[in-house]
Amino acid sequence: MKFLMTIYLVLMTVVFSHAQSETLPIKWSFRAEPEKEAGVYTIYATAMIEAGWHVFAPIPGGDGLLIPTQITLDQPELFRDLGNLQSEGKEIHQEMDGVGLVHFFEKQVTLKMTVHTDKTKLFKGFVTFQLCNEKMCLPPSDQSFEIKL
């Protein structure tokens, strides 16, 4: 009986984890645009966040334990002079008990990163983020992207 209960719990954990990953309250879209200077591109990652949820800013503040929202490119050796990650949207600054002043976005945020390359017109990578609401934070997630110019 204990064996069957253990199997049941493991299966339910796997099913719940899989279902949760498919129903995150955030949708990402990605694009890249060439700049005037040859070999310079700006990558845009836009998040639409469901009401009641937020993601932390690239510099989240707090006690140093918060998960910053960031872009990571595959094959970084193809790129040089990666620009600082910038964010566009209404950044909220809020004092949290025991954590300090934190910075986050609700509803929508667009991340921008300028890259220099003459070796590729294919941008692959992922965005790392953590969704939180007033009661809890979900485990950190990665959203993969592939942009062809």
N, C-alpha and C. Protein backbone atom coordinates (compact mmCIF):
# COMPACT_ATOMS: atom_id res chain seq x y z
N MET A 1 0.81 -1.19 0.00
CA MET A 1 0.00 0.00 0.00
C MET A 1 0.86 1.26 0.00
N LYS A 2 1.94 1.27 0.80
CA LYS A 2 2.84 2.42 0.83
C LYS A 2 3.48 2.63 -0.54
N PHE A 3 3.83 1.53 -1.19
CA PHE A 3 4.43 1.61 -2.52
C PHE A 3 3.48 2.28 -3.50
N LEU A 4 2.21 1.87 -3.51
CA LEU A 4 1.22 2.47 -4.40
C LEU A 4 1.00 3.95 -4.09
N MET A 5 0.98 4.30 -2.83
CA MET A 5 0.81 5.70 -2.45
C MET A 5 2.00 6.54 -2.91
N THR A 6 3.20 5.99 -2.80
CA THR A 6 4.40 6.69 -3.25
C THR A 6 4.34 6.92 -4.76
N ILE A 7 3.97 5.90 -5.51
CA ILE A 7 3.86 6.04 -6.97
C ILE A 7 2.81 7.10 -7.31
N TYR A 8 1.69 7.06 -6.63
CA TYR A 8 0.62 8.03 -6.87
C TYR A 8 1.13 9.46 -6.62
N LEU A 9 1.82 9.69 -5.52
CA LEU A 9 2.33 11.02 -5.20
C LEU A 9 3.35 11.49 -6.23
N VAL A 10 4.23 10.60 -6.66
CA VAL A 10 5.22 10.97 -7.68
C VAL A 10 4.52 11.35 -8.98
N LEU A 11 3.56 10.55 -9.41
CA LEU A 11 2.82 10.85 -10.64
C LEU A 11 2.07 12.17 -10.54
N MET A 12 1.43 12.42 -9.43
CA MET A 12 0.69 13.68 -9.26
C MET A 12 1.64 14.88 -9.27
N THR A 13 2.82 14.73 -8.69
CA THR A 13 3.80 15.80 -8.70
C THR A 13 4.24 16.11 -10.13
N VAL A 14 4.51 15.08 -10.91
CA VAL A 14 4.92 15.26 -12.30
C VAL A 14 3.79 15.91 -13.10
N VAL A 15 2.57 15.44 -12.94
CA VAL A 15 1.43 16.00 -13.67
C VAL A 15 1.22 17.46 -13.27
N PHE A 16 1.26 17.76 -11.97
CA PHE A 16 1.05 19.13 -11.51
C PHE A 16 2.16 20.05 -12.03
N SER A 17 3.40 19.60 -11.98
CA SER A 17 4.52 20.42 -12.46
C SER A 17 4.39 20.70 -13.94
N HIS A 18 4.01 19.71 -14.71
CA HIS A 18 3.85 19.89 -16.15
C HIS A 18 2.69 20.84 -16.44
N ALA A 19 1.59 20.67 -15.76
CA ALA A 19 0.43 21.54 -15.98
C ALA A 19 0.75 22.98 -15.61
N GLN A 20 1.50 23.17 -14.53
CA GLN A 20 1.84 24.51 -14.10
C GLN A 20 2.72 25.21 -15.12
N SER A 21 3.68 24.49 -15.73
CA SER A 21 4.59 25.11 -16.69
C SER A 21 3.86 25.55 -17.95
N GLU A 22 2.75 24.90 -18.28
CA GLU A 22 2.01 25.27 -19.48
C GLU A 22 1.01 26.39 -19.24
N THR A 23 0.77 26.74 -18.00
CA THR A 23 -0.25 27.73 -17.70
C THR A 23 0.31 28.92 -16.94
N LEU A 24 1.53 29.28 -17.18
CA LEU A 24 2.10 30.43 -16.51
C LEU A 24 1.33 31.69 -16.90
N PRO A 25 1.13 32.59 -15.97
CA PRO A 25 0.36 33.81 -16.26
C PRO A 25 1.19 34.90 -16.94
N ILE A 26 1.96 34.48 -17.95
CA ILE A 26 2.80 35.42 -18.70
C ILE A 26 2.96 34.89 -20.12
N LYS A 27 2.99 35.79 -21.08
CA LYS A 27 3.23 35.43 -22.48
C LYS A 27 4.35 36.31 -23.01
N TRP A 28 5.34 35.68 -23.64
CA TRP A 28 6.50 36.39 -24.18
C TRP A 28 6.44 36.46 -25.69
N SER A 29 6.92 37.57 -26.25
CA SER A 29 7.12 37.69 -27.69
C SER A 29 8.52 38.29 -27.91
N PHE A 30 9.13 37.94 -29.03
CA PHE A 30 10.53 38.31 -29.28
C PHE A 30 10.68 38.85 -30.70
N ARG A 31 11.59 39.80 -30.86
CA ARG A 31 11.94 40.30 -32.18
C ARG A 31 13.34 40.92 -32.11
N ALA A 32 13.96 41.09 -33.27
CA ALA A 32 15.25 41.77 -33.35
C ALA A 32 15.19 42.74 -34.52
N GLU A 33 15.82 43.87 -34.37
CA GLU A 33 15.84 44.88 -35.42
C GLU A 33 17.26 45.36 -35.64
N PRO A 34 17.65 45.50 -36.91
CA PRO A 34 18.99 46.05 -37.19
C PRO A 34 19.02 47.54 -36.89
N GLU A 35 20.16 48.01 -36.41
CA GLU A 35 20.36 49.43 -36.16
C GLU A 35 21.06 50.04 -37.38
N LYS A 36 21.26 51.34 -37.38
CA LYS A 36 21.88 52.03 -38.52
C LYS A 36 23.31 51.55 -38.76
N GLU A 37 24.03 51.31 -37.68
CA GLU A 37 25.42 50.85 -37.78
C GLU A 37 25.43 49.38 -38.23
N ALA A 38 26.26 49.05 -39.21
CA ALA A 38 26.33 47.68 -39.72
C ALA A 38 26.73 46.71 -38.61
N GLY A 39 26.05 45.58 -38.55
CA GLY A 39 26.38 44.54 -37.58
C GLY A 39 25.85 44.80 -36.18
N VAL A 40 25.00 45.81 -36.01
CA VAL A 40 24.44 46.13 -34.69
C VAL A 40 22.93 45.84 -34.73
N TYR A 41 22.47 45.10 -33.73
CA TYR A 41 21.06 44.71 -33.66
C TYR A 41 20.55 44.94 -32.24
N THR A 42 19.26 45.20 -32.15
CA THR A 42 18.61 45.28 -30.84
C THR A 42 17.61 44.14 -30.73
N ILE A 43 17.73 43.38 -29.67
CA ILE A 43 16.81 42.27 -29.38
C ILE A 43 15.78 42.79 -28.39
N TYR A 44 14.51 42.50 -28.69
CA TYR A 44 13.40 42.92 -27.84
C TYR A 44 12.68 41.67 -27.32
N ALA A 45 12.42 41.64 -26.02
CA ALA A 45 11.62 40.58 -25.40
C ALA A 45 10.50 41.27 -24.64
N THR A 46 9.26 41.05 -25.06
CA THR A 46 8.11 41.71 -24.44
C THR A 46 7.27 40.68 -23.68
N ALA A 47 6.97 41.01 -22.43
CA ALA A 47 6.16 40.13 -21.59
C ALA A 47 4.80 40.79 -21.34
N MET A 48 3.75 40.01 -21.56
CA MET A 48 2.40 40.41 -21.18
C MET A 48 2.07 39.59 -19.94
N ILE A 49 1.82 40.27 -18.83
CA ILE A 49 1.68 39.62 -17.53
C ILE A 49 0.23 39.72 -17.07
N GLU A 50 -0.33 38.60 -16.67
CA GLU A 50 -1.71 38.59 -16.20
C GLU A 50 -1.86 39.41 -14.92
N ALA A 51 -3.06 39.95 -14.73
CA ALA A 51 -3.36 40.77 -13.55
C ALA A 51 -3.05 40.00 -12.27
N GLY A 52 -2.48 40.71 -11.31
CA GLY A 52 -2.17 40.11 -10.02
C GLY A 52 -0.77 39.53 -9.93
N TRP A 53 -0.05 39.48 -11.04
CA TRP A 53 1.30 38.91 -11.06
C TRP A 53 2.31 39.98 -11.44
N HIS A 54 3.57 39.73 -11.12
CA HIS A 54 4.65 40.63 -11.53
C HIS A 54 5.94 39.84 -11.75
N VAL A 55 6.87 40.45 -12.49
CA VAL A 55 8.22 39.92 -12.66
C VAL A 55 9.19 40.98 -12.14
N PHE A 56 10.31 40.53 -11.63
CA PHE A 56 11.29 41.46 -11.10
C PHE A 56 12.04 42.15 -12.23
N ALA A 57 12.51 43.35 -11.95
CA ALA A 57 13.30 44.13 -12.89
C ALA A 57 14.67 43.48 -13.07
N PRO A 58 15.42 43.87 -14.12
CA PRO A 58 16.78 43.34 -14.28
C PRO A 58 17.68 43.63 -13.07
N ILE A 59 17.42 44.72 -12.38
CA ILE A 59 18.09 44.99 -11.10
C ILE A 59 16.96 45.03 -10.07
N PRO A 60 16.69 43.87 -9.42
CA PRO A 60 15.48 43.75 -8.61
C PRO A 60 15.53 44.40 -7.23
N GLY A 61 16.72 44.79 -6.77
CA GLY A 61 16.81 45.36 -5.43
C GLY A 61 16.65 44.28 -4.38
N GLY A 62 16.10 44.66 -3.24
CA GLY A 62 15.85 43.68 -2.18
C GLY A 62 17.10 43.24 -1.48
N ASP A 63 17.05 42.02 -0.97
CA ASP A 63 18.12 41.48 -0.13
C ASP A 63 19.17 40.69 -0.91
N GLY A 64 19.11 40.72 -2.23
CA GLY A 64 20.08 40.00 -3.04
C GLY A 64 19.65 38.59 -3.41
N LEU A 65 18.51 38.15 -2.92
CA LEU A 65 18.03 36.80 -3.21
C LEU A 65 16.96 36.75 -4.29
N LEU A 66 16.52 37.91 -4.79
CA LEU A 66 15.47 37.95 -5.82
C LEU A 66 16.05 37.55 -7.17
N ILE A 67 15.23 36.94 -8.01
CA ILE A 67 15.67 36.49 -9.34
C ILE A 67 15.46 37.62 -10.35
N PRO A 68 16.55 38.19 -10.89
CA PRO A 68 16.38 39.26 -11.87
C PRO A 68 15.89 38.70 -13.21
N THR A 69 15.11 39.48 -13.92
CA THR A 69 14.71 39.11 -15.27
C THR A 69 15.89 39.45 -16.18
N GLN A 70 16.34 38.47 -16.99
CA GLN A 70 17.53 38.69 -17.81
C GLN A 70 17.46 37.90 -19.11
N ILE A 71 18.20 38.35 -20.10
CA ILE A 71 18.32 37.68 -21.39
C ILE A 71 19.70 37.03 -21.45
N THR A 72 19.74 35.76 -21.86
CA THR A 72 20.99 35.05 -22.08
C THR A 72 21.00 34.56 -23.52
N LEU A 73 22.08 34.84 -24.24
CA LEU A 73 22.21 34.40 -25.63
C LEU A 73 23.01 33.11 -25.70
N ASP A 74 22.53 32.18 -26.54
CA ASP A 74 23.30 30.98 -26.84
C ASP A 74 24.50 31.40 -27.68
N GLN A 75 25.54 30.67 -27.63
CA GLN A 75 26.77 30.92 -28.40
C GLN A 75 27.26 32.36 -28.23
N PRO A 76 27.56 32.78 -27.01
CA PRO A 76 27.99 34.17 -26.79
C PRO A 76 29.26 34.55 -27.55
N GLU A 77 30.02 33.55 -28.00
CA GLU A 77 31.25 33.85 -28.74
C GLU A 77 30.96 34.49 -30.10
N LEU A 78 29.71 34.40 -30.58
CA LEU A 78 29.33 35.03 -31.85
C LEU A 78 29.07 36.53 -31.70
N PHE A 79 29.03 37.02 -30.48
CA PHE A 79 28.66 38.41 -30.23
C PHE A 79 29.77 39.13 -29.50
N ARG A 80 29.83 40.43 -29.70
CA ARG A 80 30.79 41.26 -28.98
C ARG A 80 30.06 42.52 -28.51
N ASP A 81 30.58 43.15 -27.54
CA ASP A 81 30.02 44.40 -27.02
C ASP A 81 28.53 44.28 -26.72
N LEU A 82 28.17 43.28 -25.91
CA LEU A 82 26.78 43.17 -25.50
C LEU A 82 26.41 44.39 -24.68
N GLY A 83 25.32 45.02 -25.05
CA GLY A 83 24.88 46.20 -24.31
C GLY A 83 24.22 45.80 -23.00
N ASN A 84 24.07 46.76 -22.13
CA ASN A 84 23.37 46.52 -20.87
C ASN A 84 21.90 46.25 -21.16
N LEU A 85 21.30 45.40 -20.38
CA LEU A 85 19.89 45.10 -20.54
C LEU A 85 19.09 46.30 -20.04
N GLN A 86 18.22 46.81 -20.90
CA GLN A 86 17.36 47.93 -20.55
C GLN A 86 15.92 47.44 -20.49
N SER A 87 15.09 48.14 -19.74
CA SER A 87 13.69 47.76 -19.65
C SER A 87 12.81 48.97 -19.90
N GLU A 88 11.68 48.70 -20.56
CA GLU A 88 10.69 49.74 -20.82
C GLU A 88 9.36 49.26 -20.24
N GLY A 89 8.74 50.10 -19.49
CA GLY A 89 7.48 49.78 -18.84
C GLY A 89 7.40 50.55 -17.54
N LYS A 90 6.29 50.43 -16.87
CA LYS A 90 6.12 51.13 -15.60
C LYS A 90 6.75 50.29 -14.48
N GLU A 91 7.95 50.69 -14.09
CA GLU A 91 8.66 49.98 -13.03
C GLU A 91 8.10 50.43 -11.68
N ILE A 92 7.74 49.45 -10.87
CA ILE A 92 7.17 49.72 -9.55
C ILE A 92 8.25 49.50 -8.50
N HIS A 93 8.33 50.43 -7.57
CA HIS A 93 9.30 50.35 -6.48
C HIS A 93 8.49 50.22 -5.19
N GLN A 94 8.72 49.14 -4.45
CA GLN A 94 7.90 48.87 -3.27
C GLN A 94 8.75 48.29 -2.17
N GLU A 95 8.52 48.76 -0.97
CA GLU A 95 9.21 48.23 0.20
C GLU A 95 8.51 46.94 0.62
N MET A 96 9.29 45.84 0.77
CA MET A 96 8.74 44.56 1.22
C MET A 96 9.36 44.20 2.56
N ASP A 97 8.51 43.82 3.49
CA ASP A 97 8.98 43.46 4.83
C ASP A 97 10.03 42.36 4.77
N GLY A 98 11.16 42.60 5.39
CA GLY A 98 12.21 41.60 5.48
C GLY A 98 13.05 41.46 4.22
N VAL A 99 12.68 42.16 3.14
CA VAL A 99 13.39 42.04 1.87
C VAL A 99 14.04 43.36 1.48
N GLY A 100 13.36 44.46 1.75
CA GLY A 100 13.86 45.78 1.39
C GLY A 100 13.10 46.34 0.21
N LEU A 101 13.67 47.34 -0.43
CA LEU A 101 13.05 47.99 -1.59
C LEU A 101 13.25 47.11 -2.82
N VAL A 102 12.15 46.70 -3.45
CA VAL A 102 12.22 45.84 -4.63
C VAL A 102 11.66 46.58 -5.84
N HIS A 103 12.09 46.14 -7.04
CA HIS A 103 11.70 46.77 -8.30
C HIS A 103 11.11 45.69 -9.19
N PHE A 104 9.90 45.94 -9.71
CA PHE A 104 9.24 44.93 -10.53
C PHE A 104 8.28 45.58 -11.53
N PHE A 105 7.77 44.74 -12.43
CA PHE A 105 6.83 45.18 -13.46
C PHE A 105 5.56 44.36 -13.38
N GLU A 106 4.44 45.04 -13.58
CA GLU A 106 3.14 44.39 -13.71
C GLU A 106 2.62 44.68 -15.12
N LYS A 107 1.70 43.89 -15.58
CA LYS A 107 1.01 44.05 -16.87
C LYS A 107 1.92 43.84 -18.08
N GLN A 108 2.96 44.68 -18.25
CA GLN A 108 3.80 44.56 -19.44
C GLN A 108 5.19 45.13 -19.18
N VAL A 109 6.18 44.50 -19.79
CA VAL A 109 7.54 45.02 -19.79
C VAL A 109 8.22 44.58 -21.08
N THR A 110 9.05 45.45 -21.63
CA THR A 110 9.87 45.11 -22.78
C THR A 110 11.33 45.25 -22.39
N LEU A 111 12.08 44.18 -22.59
CA LEU A 111 13.52 44.18 -22.34
C LEU A 111 14.23 44.42 -23.66
N LYS A 112 15.30 45.21 -23.64
CA LYS A 112 16.07 45.52 -24.85
C LYS A 112 17.54 45.26 -24.58
N MET A 113 18.18 44.60 -25.56
CA MET A 113 19.61 44.37 -25.48
C MET A 113 20.22 44.61 -26.86
N THR A 114 21.23 45.46 -26.91
CA THR A 114 21.92 45.72 -28.17
C THR A 114 23.13 44.80 -28.27
N VAL A 115 23.29 44.18 -29.45
CA VAL A 115 24.40 43.26 -29.67
C VAL A 115 25.13 43.63 -30.96
N HIS A 116 26.39 43.29 -31.02
CA HIS A 116 27.22 43.51 -32.20
C HIS A 116 27.65 42.13 -32.72
N THR A 117 27.41 41.90 -33.99
CA THR A 117 27.88 40.65 -34.59
C THR A 117 27.94 40.80 -36.11
N ASP A 118 28.93 40.16 -36.70
CA ASP A 118 28.97 40.04 -38.16
C ASP A 118 29.04 38.56 -38.53
N LYS A 119 28.76 37.70 -37.54
CA LYS A 119 28.90 36.26 -37.74
C LYS A 119 27.57 35.53 -37.84
N THR A 120 26.45 36.19 -37.52
CA THR A 120 25.18 35.48 -37.54
C THR A 120 24.01 36.44 -37.70
N LYS A 121 22.92 35.95 -38.22
CA LYS A 121 21.66 36.68 -38.25
C LYS A 121 20.58 35.82 -37.58
N LEU A 122 21.04 34.90 -36.74
CA LEU A 122 20.15 34.04 -35.97
C LEU A 122 20.46 34.29 -34.49
N PHE A 123 19.45 34.72 -33.77
CA PHE A 123 19.60 35.03 -32.36
C PHE A 123 18.82 34.00 -31.56
N LYS A 124 19.53 33.19 -30.80
CA LYS A 124 18.90 32.16 -29.96
C LYS A 124 19.32 32.39 -28.52
N GLY A 125 18.39 32.12 -27.64
CA GLY A 125 18.71 32.27 -26.23
C GLY A 125 17.48 32.04 -25.38
N PHE A 126 17.48 32.64 -24.20
CA PHE A 126 16.33 32.49 -23.32
C PHE A 126 16.25 33.67 -22.35
N VAL A 127 15.05 33.89 -21.87
CA VAL A 127 14.81 34.89 -20.83
C VAL A 127 14.56 34.13 -19.53
N THR A 128 15.26 34.53 -18.48
CA THR A 128 15.04 33.97 -17.15
C THR A 128 14.20 34.97 -16.36
N PHE A 129 13.17 34.46 -15.67
CA PHE A 129 12.29 35.35 -14.92
C PHE A 129 11.65 34.57 -13.78
N GLN A 130 11.07 35.31 -12.86
CA GLN A 130 10.31 34.70 -11.77
C GLN A 130 9.02 35.49 -11.59
N LEU A 131 7.91 34.78 -11.59
CA LEU A 131 6.59 35.38 -11.40
C LEU A 131 6.20 35.31 -9.94
N CYS A 132 5.66 36.41 -9.44
CA CYS A 132 5.19 36.45 -8.06
C CYS A 132 3.84 37.17 -8.00
N ASN A 133 3.08 36.86 -6.97
CA ASN A 133 1.88 37.63 -6.66
C ASN A 133 1.98 38.02 -5.19
N GLU A 134 0.90 38.48 -4.61
CA GLU A 134 0.94 38.94 -3.21
C GLU A 134 1.15 37.81 -2.21
N LYS A 135 0.90 36.55 -2.63
CA LYS A 135 0.98 35.43 -1.69
C LYS A 135 2.20 34.54 -1.88
N MET A 136 2.71 34.47 -3.13
CA MET A 136 3.77 33.50 -3.39
C MET A 136 4.55 33.87 -4.64
N CYS A 137 5.67 33.20 -4.80
CA CYS A 137 6.46 33.28 -6.03
C CYS A 137 6.54 31.87 -6.62
N LEU A 138 6.40 31.80 -7.93
CA LEU A 138 6.59 30.53 -8.63
C LEU A 138 8.09 30.28 -8.78
N PRO A 139 8.49 29.04 -9.02
CA PRO A 139 9.92 28.78 -9.26
C PRO A 139 10.39 29.57 -10.49
N PRO A 140 11.67 29.95 -10.53
CA PRO A 140 12.19 30.66 -11.71
C PRO A 140 11.95 29.84 -12.98
N SER A 141 11.72 30.55 -14.09
CA SER A 141 11.44 29.90 -15.37
C SER A 141 12.34 30.49 -16.45
N ASP A 142 12.55 29.71 -17.49
CA ASP A 142 13.25 30.17 -18.70
C ASP A 142 12.30 30.06 -19.88
N GLN A 143 12.28 31.09 -20.71
CA GLN A 143 11.51 31.06 -21.96
C GLN A 143 12.50 31.17 -23.11
N SER A 144 12.58 30.11 -23.92
CA SER A 144 13.51 30.09 -25.05
C SER A 144 12.98 30.96 -26.18
N PHE A 145 13.92 31.44 -27.00
CA PHE A 145 13.53 32.18 -28.21
C PHE A 145 14.52 31.90 -29.32
N GLU A 146 14.05 32.11 -30.54
CA GLU A 146 14.88 32.02 -31.75
C GLU A 146 14.36 33.05 -32.72
N ILE A 147 15.21 33.99 -33.10
CA ILE A 147 14.83 35.06 -34.00
C ILE A 147 15.74 35.01 -35.22
N LYS A 148 15.13 34.92 -36.40
CA LYS A 148 15.89 34.93 -37.65
C LYS A 148 15.65 36.25 -38.37
N LEU A 149 16.74 36.87 -38.83
CA LEU A 149 16.60 38.09 -39.62
C LEU A 149 16.72 37.79 -41.09
